[in-house]
Amino acid sequence: MRANSLALRLFLSATAWTAVILLITGIILSSLYRTAVERAFDRRLGVYMRTLVADLAAPEDTPEKFPQTFGEPLFELPLSGWYWQVTRTDGGKREVRSSRSLWDGGLPQLEKMGVPANAGGSREGYVAGPEEQQLRLIERSVDLGDDGFFQVAVAGDAAEIFEEVRGFDRALIITFAALAAVLLLTTMFQVRFGLAPLKRITGGLAGIRAGTAERLEGEFPVEIAPLARETNALIDANKEIVERARTHVGNLAHALKTPLSVMVNEAAARGDDPLAAKVAEQTGIMRDQVARHLERARLAARHSVVGSVTDVMPVVTSLARTMEKIHRDRAITIAVHVSALASETVQFRGEQQDLEEMIGNLVDNACKWAAAQVAVEVMSERPDVNSARQVLRITVDDDGRGLSPAEREQVAKRGQRLDETKPGSGLGLSIVVELAALYGGGLKLGSAPIGGLRAELSLPAG
């Protein structure tokens, strides 16, 4: 999951809510369990208290009325944490009876501590006992009428409650940790499964861009099916616009060709007439401008087609063989080299006709100026280490006289020729520059290692 991705957002939000819910649930369960343990402990202490109250109500001559152990040896063991205490609160002198375990100490009174009584008249709470022991104590006031008014208290070691709750909390943490791990794994699966159709759309668009597919195919969930439909409709609209543009360009070319030809012929028929010469001159300029803009429109329309991909090496080797035949009388040799970073399947993201036009112009120009040899190198590389985009570089070198920096700038302009004795119209390199620019590439001219001109063409790789 990459940063700022939809999958990461869904996973983090689900993780946050899972953590909050588990934390709140754990706190609630721990609190409920603690309350249940305290209630059970209080019931145990309540049994001992009822026994003490029954002893208080029994006649004074009842055998073994006090002391009471309730069958629990801890009430006999000094400072064991288990104590009982009966205090007479009426009369002038305070009378106290207690378990042997309390030794010479006493239990604090919850009533004096401000603890309210419950519906049954008892008070429960935690107090500090002898030796700073943590005790759970219940206390109750008993009115025996003529026999007096008493306060009965029974306390037990609260460590049993705390240990029981800690054991439950440990088990709860382990259980919830395992549950959290399972929920996170489930969340990851749900995110990947839920976003799988988007991944299919991404793969389909990559296939369209690479030229291996023309439309998004397959069934998609109802939430993203409109996206797939609109994408296919956009592709169809793009193709329709391109086809219309091609048709209009063709119609315009035919519409202008005949009037221009008529004007040229009429001017030529008037012989040495200065007006006819001027008309012929301007008509030639018009014809050149019309040809230029129609060519640019044609190239732009063709470049707008989505998904065109061309294998480079078949085009380069075919053009090399053709150019060697054309310049056979000058014995020009053309060497084609593929760099170690490229392969036989290196591709150009564009139409084959455009690639042939660009490379053909560069190789033809190199052959015209070469003394004996032309070298063509093809490589595919990344602009930088972190970039996933591939760039196609094609360099064409010749061993001719080369060009100065000023001459390199001049020859890239449309119609500019340095040597009128060489065949051509002077449009070759300018067409390459314009075509490369339409594809987001470019053309650089420099000095070749073999002595002449180097033309380096950069284009998007497929």
Protein backbone atom coordinates (compact mmCIF):
# COMPACT_ATOMS: atom_id res chain seq x y z
CA MET A 1 0.00 0.00 0.00
CA ARG A 2 1.58 3.23 -1.15
CA ALA A 3 1.33 6.57 0.62
CA ASN A 4 -1.71 8.64 -0.35
CA SER A 5 -3.39 5.59 -1.86
CA LEU A 6 -7.05 4.71 -1.48
CA ALA A 7 -6.11 1.25 -0.17
CA LEU A 8 -3.93 2.76 2.59
CA ARG A 9 -6.67 5.19 3.59
CA LEU A 10 -9.23 2.41 3.87
CA PHE A 11 -6.81 0.20 5.79
CA LEU A 12 -5.78 2.94 8.24
CA SER A 13 -9.37 4.04 8.87
CA ALA A 14 -10.47 0.44 9.44
CA THR A 15 -7.46 -0.14 11.72
CA ALA A 16 -8.22 3.00 13.74
CA TRP A 17 -11.88 2.06 14.21
CA THR A 18 -10.93 -1.52 15.08
CA ALA A 19 -8.47 -0.31 17.72
CA VAL A 20 -11.01 2.12 19.23
CA ILE A 21 -13.80 -0.47 19.30
CA LEU A 22 -11.58 -3.17 20.82
CA LEU A 23 -10.24 -0.73 23.43
CA ILE A 24 -13.70 0.43 24.46
CA THR A 25 -15.01 -3.16 24.48
CA GLY A 26 -12.03 -4.29 26.58
CA ILE A 27 -12.57 -1.52 29.13
CA ILE A 28 -16.28 -2.34 29.38
CA LEU A 29 -15.67 -6.10 29.74
CA SER A 30 -12.94 -5.54 32.34
CA SER A 31 -15.23 -3.23 34.30
CA LEU A 32 -18.14 -5.68 34.13
CA TYR A 33 -15.91 -8.56 35.23
CA ARG A 34 -14.51 -6.52 38.13
CA THR A 35 -18.05 -5.67 39.23
CA ALA A 36 -19.04 -9.35 39.01
CA VAL A 37 -16.01 -10.43 41.07
CA GLU A 38 -16.71 -7.75 43.69
CA ARG A 39 -20.35 -8.81 43.85
CA ALA A 40 -19.38 -12.46 44.38
CA PHE A 41 -16.83 -11.44 47.03
CA ASP A 42 -19.45 -9.27 48.76
CA ARG A 43 -21.89 -12.20 48.80
CA ARG A 44 -19.23 -14.29 50.52
CA LEU A 45 -18.65 -11.56 53.09
CA GLY A 46 -22.43 -11.19 53.46
CA VAL A 47 -22.74 -14.83 54.54
CA TYR A 48 -20.23 -14.20 57.33
CA MET A 49 -22.06 -11.03 58.33
CA ARG A 50 -25.44 -12.77 58.58
CA THR A 51 -23.86 -15.37 60.83
CA LEU A 52 -22.51 -12.62 63.10
CA VAL A 53 -25.89 -10.91 63.20
CA ALA A 54 -27.54 -14.21 64.12
CA ASP A 55 -25.02 -14.64 66.95
CA LEU A 56 -25.80 -11.16 68.20
CA ALA A 57 -29.50 -11.92 68.31
CA ALA A 58 -28.96 -15.21 70.16
CA PRO A 59 -29.29 -15.33 73.97
CA GLU A 60 -26.20 -14.52 75.96
CA ASP A 61 -25.94 -18.04 77.39
CA THR A 62 -25.71 -19.61 73.91
CA PRO A 63 -22.59 -21.83 73.79
CA GLU A 64 -19.72 -20.66 71.53
CA LYS A 65 -21.47 -17.41 70.69
CA PHE A 66 -18.10 -15.69 70.32
CA PRO A 67 -15.47 -15.95 68.94
CA GLN A 68 -16.56 -16.92 65.42
CA THR A 69 -14.31 -18.53 62.77
CA PHE A 70 -17.05 -19.52 60.28
CA GLY A 71 -14.99 -22.60 59.50
CA GLU A 72 -12.29 -20.37 58.00
CA PRO A 73 -8.86 -20.67 59.68
CA LEU A 74 -7.81 -17.29 58.27
CA PHE A 75 -10.00 -15.58 60.88
CA GLU A 76 -7.73 -17.13 63.53
CA LEU A 77 -4.40 -16.33 61.77
CA PRO A 78 -3.04 -12.92 62.86
CA LEU A 79 -3.04 -10.26 60.12
CA SER A 80 -4.27 -12.78 57.56
CA GLY A 81 -6.38 -10.16 55.76
CA TRP A 82 -9.66 -11.72 56.85
CA TYR A 83 -11.34 -9.98 59.79
CA TRP A 84 -14.65 -9.39 61.49
CA GLN A 85 -15.58 -6.79 64.04
CA VAL A 86 -18.76 -6.13 66.11
CA THR A 87 -19.00 -2.72 67.78
CA ARG A 88 -21.72 -1.69 70.25
CA THR A 89 -22.50 1.93 69.58
CA ASP A 90 -25.15 2.70 72.22
CA GLY A 91 -24.48 3.41 75.86
CA GLY A 92 -21.61 5.27 77.35
CA LYS A 93 -18.81 2.78 76.82
CA ARG A 94 -17.92 1.53 73.33
CA GLU A 95 -17.79 -2.28 73.33
CA VAL A 96 -15.80 -3.99 70.56
CA ARG A 97 -15.51 -7.67 69.70
CA SER A 98 -13.31 -8.89 66.80
CA SER A 99 -11.70 -11.93 65.22
CA ARG A 100 -8.35 -13.14 66.53
CA SER A 101 -6.82 -12.35 63.13
CA LEU A 102 -7.37 -8.64 63.79
CA TRP A 103 -5.02 -8.94 66.74
CA ASP A 104 -5.05 -5.64 68.65
CA GLY A 105 -6.06 -3.53 65.64
CA GLY A 106 -9.39 -2.35 64.38
CA LEU A 107 -11.35 -1.85 61.17
CA PRO A 108 -12.24 1.62 59.85
CA GLN A 109 -15.90 2.53 59.64
CA LEU A 110 -17.39 3.18 56.19
CA GLU A 111 -20.18 5.26 57.77
CA LYS A 112 -17.63 7.77 59.10
CA MET A 113 -15.93 7.78 55.69
CA GLY A 114 -19.17 8.99 54.09
CA VAL A 115 -19.97 5.79 52.17
CA PRO A 116 -23.77 5.64 51.59
CA ALA A 117 -25.79 2.56 52.44
CA ASN A 118 -27.37 0.50 49.66
CA ALA A 119 -30.99 -0.62 49.42
CA GLY A 120 -30.33 -3.46 51.87
CA GLY A 121 -28.83 -1.15 54.46
CA SER A 122 -25.26 -2.35 53.98
CA ARG A 123 -22.17 -0.40 52.95
CA GLU A 124 -19.37 -1.79 50.79
CA GLY A 125 -15.99 -0.37 49.92
CA TYR A 126 -12.23 -0.67 49.93
CA VAL A 127 -10.34 0.35 53.05
CA ALA A 128 -6.81 0.19 54.41
CA GLY A 129 -6.52 -2.40 57.13
CA PRO A 130 -3.75 -3.37 59.51
CA GLU A 131 -0.25 -3.15 58.00
CA GLU A 132 -1.77 -1.05 55.17
CA GLN A 133 -3.52 -4.10 53.74
CA GLN A 134 -6.09 -3.46 51.01
CA LEU A 135 -9.38 -4.86 52.26
CA ARG A 136 -12.85 -5.23 50.84
CA LEU A 137 -15.22 -4.42 53.69
CA ILE A 138 -18.98 -4.62 54.19
CA GLU A 139 -20.61 -2.96 57.10
CA ARG A 140 -24.11 -2.94 58.57
CA SER A 141 -25.85 -1.36 61.51
CA VAL A 142 -28.05 -3.72 63.59
CA ASP A 143 -30.71 -2.56 66.08
CA LEU A 144 -31.60 -5.30 68.62
CA GLY A 145 -33.99 -3.16 70.62
CA ASP A 146 -33.38 -3.61 74.33
CA ASP A 147 -30.25 -5.65 73.62
CA GLY A 148 -28.53 -2.63 72.09
CA PHE A 149 -27.40 -1.04 68.84
CA PHE A 150 -24.46 -2.66 67.04
CA GLN A 151 -22.29 -2.09 63.95
CA VAL A 152 -21.14 -5.32 62.27
CA ALA A 153 -18.20 -5.33 59.80
CA VAL A 154 -16.57 -8.16 57.86
CA ALA A 155 -13.47 -7.63 55.69
CA GLY A 156 -11.56 -9.84 53.27
CA ASP A 157 -8.22 -9.52 51.51
CA ALA A 158 -8.84 -7.45 48.36
CA ALA A 159 -5.72 -8.98 46.75
CA GLU A 160 -7.94 -11.91 45.69
CA ILE A 161 -10.17 -9.50 43.73
CA PHE A 162 -7.24 -7.67 42.18
CA GLU A 163 -5.48 -10.88 41.18
CA GLU A 164 -8.66 -12.28 39.66
CA VAL A 165 -9.24 -9.10 37.66
CA ARG A 166 -5.58 -8.95 36.54
CA GLY A 167 -5.76 -12.53 35.33
CA PHE A 168 -8.91 -11.74 33.37
CA ASP A 169 -7.31 -8.58 31.92
CA ARG A 170 -4.25 -10.55 30.77
CA ALA A 171 -6.46 -13.14 29.08
CA LEU A 172 -8.55 -10.33 27.58
CA ILE A 173 -5.48 -8.55 26.18
CA ILE A 174 -4.12 -11.76 24.63
CA THR A 175 -7.53 -12.61 23.15
CA PHE A 176 -8.10 -9.11 21.77
CA ALA A 177 -4.56 -8.94 20.37
CA ALA A 178 -5.18 -12.17 18.46
CA LEU A 179 -8.60 -10.87 17.40
CA ALA A 180 -7.05 -7.57 16.26
CA ALA A 181 -4.45 -9.42 14.17
CA VAL A 182 -7.20 -11.50 12.53
CA LEU A 183 -9.33 -8.40 11.92
CA LEU A 184 -6.40 -6.53 10.35
CA LEU A 185 -5.66 -9.45 8.04
CA THR A 186 -9.35 -9.61 7.19
CA THR A 187 -9.35 -5.85 6.55
CA MET A 188 -6.36 -6.16 4.21
CA PHE A 189 -8.14 -8.93 2.31
CA GLN A 190 -11.34 -6.88 2.11
CA VAL A 191 -9.47 -3.80 0.87
CA ARG A 192 -7.60 -5.76 -1.79
CA PHE A 193 -10.73 -7.69 -2.80
CA GLY A 194 -12.89 -4.55 -2.83
CA LEU A 195 -10.40 -2.53 -4.89
CA ALA A 196 -9.59 -5.36 -7.30
CA PRO A 197 -11.99 -3.98 -9.98
CA LEU A 198 -10.11 -0.64 -9.87
CA LYS A 199 -6.88 -2.56 -10.43
CA ARG A 200 -8.52 -4.25 -13.41
CA ILE A 201 -9.45 -0.83 -14.80
CA THR A 202 -5.86 0.37 -14.28
CA GLY A 203 -4.54 -2.69 -16.11
CA GLY A 204 -7.07 -2.19 -18.90
CA LEU A 205 -6.08 1.45 -19.36
CA ALA A 206 -2.41 0.46 -19.38
CA GLY A 207 -3.24 -2.10 -22.10
CA ILE A 208 -5.05 0.55 -24.14
CA ARG A 209 -2.12 2.94 -23.78
CA ALA A 210 0.32 0.16 -24.73
CA GLY A 211 -1.74 -0.77 -27.79
CA THR A 212 -2.65 -4.29 -26.64
CA ALA A 213 -6.33 -3.45 -26.14
CA GLU A 214 -8.85 -0.99 -27.57
CA ARG A 215 -11.52 -0.90 -24.84
CA LEU A 216 -12.13 -1.80 -21.20
CA GLU A 217 -13.58 -5.30 -21.30
CA GLY A 218 -15.37 -7.38 -18.66
CA GLU A 219 -18.02 -6.96 -15.98
CA PHE A 220 -17.51 -4.38 -13.23
CA PRO A 221 -19.39 -3.71 -9.96
CA VAL A 222 -22.29 -1.28 -10.20
CA GLU A 223 -20.31 1.42 -8.35
CA ILE A 224 -17.56 1.64 -10.97
CA ALA A 225 -19.38 0.30 -14.03
CA PRO A 226 -20.30 3.92 -15.03
CA LEU A 227 -16.58 4.79 -14.93
CA ALA A 228 -15.79 1.94 -17.33
CA ARG A 229 -18.67 2.93 -19.62
CA GLU A 230 -17.64 6.59 -19.70
CA THR A 231 -14.01 5.64 -20.35
CA ASN A 232 -15.02 3.47 -23.32
CA ALA A 233 -17.27 6.27 -24.55
CA LEU A 234 -14.36 8.73 -24.27
CA ILE A 235 -12.13 6.38 -26.30
CA ASP A 236 -14.82 6.03 -28.97
CA ALA A 237 -15.31 9.82 -29.05
CA ASN A 238 -11.56 10.32 -29.40
CA LYS A 239 -11.41 7.95 -32.35
CA GLU A 240 -14.39 9.66 -33.95
CA ILE A 241 -12.80 13.10 -33.54
CA VAL A 242 -9.53 11.89 -35.03
CA GLU A 243 -11.32 10.32 -37.98
CA ARG A 244 -13.29 13.51 -38.57
CA ALA A 245 -10.09 15.56 -38.42
CA ARG A 246 -8.44 13.28 -40.98
CA THR A 247 -11.45 13.62 -43.26
CA HIS A 248 -11.47 17.41 -42.97
CA VAL A 249 -7.73 17.59 -43.65
CA GLY A 250 -8.13 15.49 -46.78
CA ASN A 251 -11.09 17.55 -47.98
CA LEU A 252 -9.21 20.78 -47.38
CA ALA A 253 -6.16 19.52 -49.24
CA HIS A 254 -8.26 18.64 -52.30
CA ALA A 255 -10.21 21.91 -52.10
CA LEU A 256 -7.03 24.04 -52.10
CA LYS A 257 -4.96 22.01 -54.54
CA THR A 258 -7.03 22.82 -57.67
CA PRO A 259 -7.29 26.63 -57.18
CA LEU A 260 -3.56 26.89 -56.47
CA SER A 261 -2.72 24.84 -59.55
CA VAL A 262 -4.95 27.08 -61.69
CA MET A 263 -3.24 30.19 -60.37
CA VAL A 264 0.25 28.75 -61.02
CA ASN A 265 -0.69 27.73 -64.56
CA GLU A 266 -2.26 31.12 -65.36
CA ALA A 267 0.83 32.93 -64.08
CA ALA A 268 3.14 30.69 -66.10
CA ALA A 269 1.08 31.31 -69.26
CA ARG A 270 1.67 35.12 -69.10
CA GLY A 271 5.40 34.75 -69.66
CA ASP A 272 7.53 37.71 -68.54
CA ASP A 273 4.69 39.75 -67.11
CA PRO A 274 5.91 41.19 -63.72
CA LEU A 275 2.46 40.72 -62.23
CA ALA A 276 2.44 37.06 -63.28
CA ALA A 277 5.90 36.59 -61.75
CA LYS A 278 4.69 38.10 -58.48
CA VAL A 279 1.57 35.91 -58.51
CA ALA A 280 3.73 32.83 -59.15
CA GLU A 281 6.03 33.79 -56.29
CA GLN A 282 3.23 34.34 -53.80
CA THR A 283 1.37 31.25 -54.99
CA GLY A 284 4.49 29.20 -54.27
CA ILE A 285 4.61 30.64 -50.76
CA MET A 286 0.92 29.85 -50.30
CA ARG A 287 1.40 26.30 -51.53
CA ASP A 288 4.33 25.82 -49.12
CA GLN A 289 2.37 27.24 -46.18
CA VAL A 290 -0.72 25.18 -46.99
CA ALA A 291 1.40 22.04 -47.30
CA ARG A 292 3.08 22.81 -44.01
CA HIS A 293 -0.10 23.35 -42.01
CA LEU A 294 -1.93 20.45 -43.61
CA GLU A 295 1.02 18.22 -42.75
CA ARG A 296 0.98 19.42 -39.16
CA ALA A 297 -2.78 18.83 -38.91
CA ARG A 298 -2.37 15.36 -40.38
CA LEU A 299 0.39 14.50 -37.92
CA ALA A 300 -1.52 15.89 -34.95
CA ALA A 301 -4.63 13.93 -35.89
CA ARG A 302 -2.68 10.71 -36.30
CA HIS A 303 -0.84 11.24 -33.02
CA SER A 304 -4.15 11.61 -31.16
CA VAL A 305 -5.00 7.96 -31.71
CA VAL A 306 -4.90 6.11 -28.38
CA GLY A 307 -2.85 2.95 -27.97
CA SER A 308 -0.59 2.93 -31.06
CA VAL A 309 2.67 1.05 -30.46
CA THR A 310 5.38 0.22 -33.03
CA ASP A 311 8.32 -2.18 -32.87
CA VAL A 312 11.43 -0.13 -33.58
CA MET A 313 14.02 -2.60 -34.86
CA PRO A 314 12.08 -3.86 -37.91
CA VAL A 315 11.58 -0.22 -39.02
CA VAL A 316 15.26 0.70 -38.52
CA THR A 317 16.69 -2.37 -40.28
CA SER A 318 14.25 -2.02 -43.20
CA LEU A 319 15.10 1.67 -43.67
CA ALA A 320 18.83 0.93 -43.45
CA ARG A 321 18.60 -1.64 -46.24
CA THR A 322 16.49 0.71 -48.37
CA MET A 323 18.88 3.65 -47.95
CA GLU A 324 21.90 1.50 -48.79
CA LYS A 325 20.21 0.58 -52.07
CA ILE A 326 19.31 4.19 -52.85
CA HIS A 327 22.90 5.36 -52.25
CA ARG A 328 24.53 2.29 -53.75
CA ASP A 329 26.45 4.40 -56.27
CA ARG A 330 28.34 6.11 -53.42
CA ALA A 331 29.04 2.84 -51.54
CA ILE A 332 27.51 4.12 -48.28
CA THR A 333 27.40 1.50 -45.50
CA ILE A 334 24.84 1.78 -42.70
CA ALA A 335 25.59 0.03 -39.38
CA VAL A 336 22.71 -0.59 -36.97
CA HIS A 337 23.54 -1.13 -33.31
CA VAL A 338 21.24 -1.90 -30.38
CA SER A 339 22.61 -0.90 -26.96
CA ALA A 340 22.89 -3.42 -24.11
CA LEU A 341 19.96 -1.73 -22.37
CA ALA A 342 17.63 -2.29 -25.32
CA SER A 343 16.32 -5.48 -26.88
CA GLU A 344 14.74 -6.72 -30.08
CA THR A 345 11.31 -5.84 -28.64
CA VAL A 346 12.01 -2.15 -27.92
CA GLN A 347 8.91 -0.20 -28.92
CA PHE A 348 7.85 3.33 -29.86
CA ARG A 349 4.59 4.66 -28.43
CA GLY A 350 3.19 5.97 -31.69
CA GLU A 351 2.31 5.01 -35.24
CA GLN A 352 4.72 3.18 -37.53
CA GLN A 353 4.28 5.69 -40.38
CA ASP A 354 5.48 8.55 -38.15
CA LEU A 355 8.49 6.57 -36.93
CA GLU A 356 9.42 5.66 -40.51
CA GLU A 357 9.14 9.31 -41.54
CA MET A 358 11.37 10.55 -38.72
CA ILE A 359 14.07 7.88 -38.98
CA GLY A 360 13.91 7.89 -42.79
CA ASN A 361 14.56 11.64 -42.93
CA LEU A 362 17.47 11.39 -40.49
CA VAL A 363 19.12 8.42 -42.23
CA ASP A 364 18.54 9.93 -45.70
CA ASN A 365 20.08 13.23 -44.59
CA ALA A 366 23.08 11.38 -43.07
CA CYS A 367 23.60 9.39 -46.30
CA LYS A 368 23.56 12.58 -48.41
CA TRP A 369 26.39 14.12 -46.38
CA ALA A 370 28.35 10.99 -45.38
CA ALA A 371 31.70 10.16 -46.95
CA ALA A 372 31.45 6.41 -46.55
CA GLN A 373 29.51 5.31 -43.48
CA VAL A 374 26.45 5.98 -41.35
CA ALA A 375 25.87 4.54 -37.85
CA VAL A 376 22.43 4.11 -36.28
CA GLU A 377 22.14 3.27 -32.56
CA VAL A 378 18.90 2.37 -30.77
CA MET A 379 18.57 2.42 -26.98
CA SER A 380 15.79 2.41 -24.41
CA GLU A 381 16.49 3.96 -21.02
CA ARG A 382 14.99 5.74 -18.02
CA PRO A 383 15.51 9.51 -17.67
CA ASP A 384 16.44 8.96 -13.99
CA VAL A 385 16.67 6.10 -11.51
CA ASN A 386 13.32 6.81 -9.80
CA SER A 387 11.36 7.16 -13.04
CA ALA A 388 9.23 4.31 -14.37
CA ARG A 389 8.88 6.01 -17.77
CA GLN A 390 11.03 4.65 -20.63
CA VAL A 391 12.57 6.91 -23.26
CA LEU A 392 13.54 5.72 -26.73
CA ARG A 393 16.75 7.27 -28.09
CA ILE A 394 17.83 6.86 -31.70
CA THR A 395 21.17 8.40 -32.77
CA VAL A 396 22.21 8.71 -36.41
CA ASP A 397 25.91 9.53 -37.08
CA ASP A 398 27.71 10.18 -40.38
CA ASP A 399 31.38 10.71 -41.26
CA GLY A 400 30.79 13.82 -43.36
CA ARG A 401 32.07 17.32 -42.76
CA GLY A 402 29.63 18.04 -39.90
CA LEU A 403 27.97 21.35 -39.07
CA SER A 404 28.83 24.34 -36.95
CA PRO A 405 26.44 25.38 -34.12
CA ALA A 406 24.97 28.14 -36.30
CA GLU A 407 24.45 25.75 -39.21
CA ARG A 408 22.77 23.19 -36.92
CA GLU A 409 20.26 25.81 -35.85
CA GLN A 410 19.62 26.81 -39.47
CA VAL A 411 19.01 23.36 -40.90
CA ALA A 412 16.32 22.58 -38.31
CA LYS A 413 14.16 25.35 -39.79
CA ARG A 414 11.64 24.50 -42.47
CA GLY A 415 12.92 24.88 -46.03
CA GLN A 416 16.48 25.80 -45.04
CA ARG A 417 19.25 24.16 -47.11
CA LEU A 418 23.01 24.68 -46.75
CA ASP A 419 23.95 23.19 -50.12
CA GLU A 420 21.62 23.67 -53.09
CA THR A 421 23.55 20.99 -55.01
CA LYS A 422 22.18 18.29 -52.71
CA PRO A 423 18.75 16.88 -53.59
CA GLY A 424 15.79 17.65 -51.36
CA SER A 425 13.38 20.38 -50.32
CA GLY A 426 14.93 21.37 -47.03
CA LEU A 427 11.86 20.13 -45.10
CA GLY A 428 13.29 16.84 -43.75
CA LEU A 429 14.78 17.89 -40.40
CA SER A 430 12.00 20.38 -39.66
CA ILE A 431 9.42 17.62 -40.17
CA VAL A 432 11.37 15.43 -37.72
CA VAL A 433 11.43 18.28 -35.17
CA GLU A 434 7.68 18.87 -35.47
CA LEU A 435 6.79 15.18 -35.38
CA ALA A 436 9.00 14.54 -32.34
CA ALA A 437 7.48 17.53 -30.54
CA LEU A 438 3.97 16.15 -31.15
CA TYR A 439 4.99 12.98 -29.30
CA GLY A 440 6.63 14.88 -26.46
CA GLY A 441 10.16 14.16 -27.73
CA GLY A 442 12.84 16.18 -29.42
CA LEU A 443 15.79 16.29 -31.82
CA LYS A 444 19.33 17.35 -30.89
CA LEU A 445 22.12 17.97 -33.36
CA GLY A 446 25.77 17.61 -32.38
CA SER A 447 29.15 16.22 -33.40
CA ALA A 448 29.43 12.53 -34.19
CA PRO A 449 32.34 10.45 -32.83
CA ILE A 450 33.11 9.34 -36.40
CA GLY A 451 33.63 12.94 -37.53
CA GLY A 452 30.38 14.22 -39.00
CA LEU A 453 26.93 15.22 -37.72
CA ARG A 454 25.10 13.44 -34.92
CA ALA A 455 21.29 13.58 -34.84
CA GLU A 456 19.83 12.31 -31.55
CA LEU A 457 16.08 11.64 -31.59
CA SER A 458 14.23 11.12 -28.27
CA LEU A 459 10.73 9.64 -28.24
CA PRO A 460 8.38 7.94 -25.73
CA ALA A 461 9.03 4.20 -25.49
CA GLY A 462 6.21 1.72 -25.52
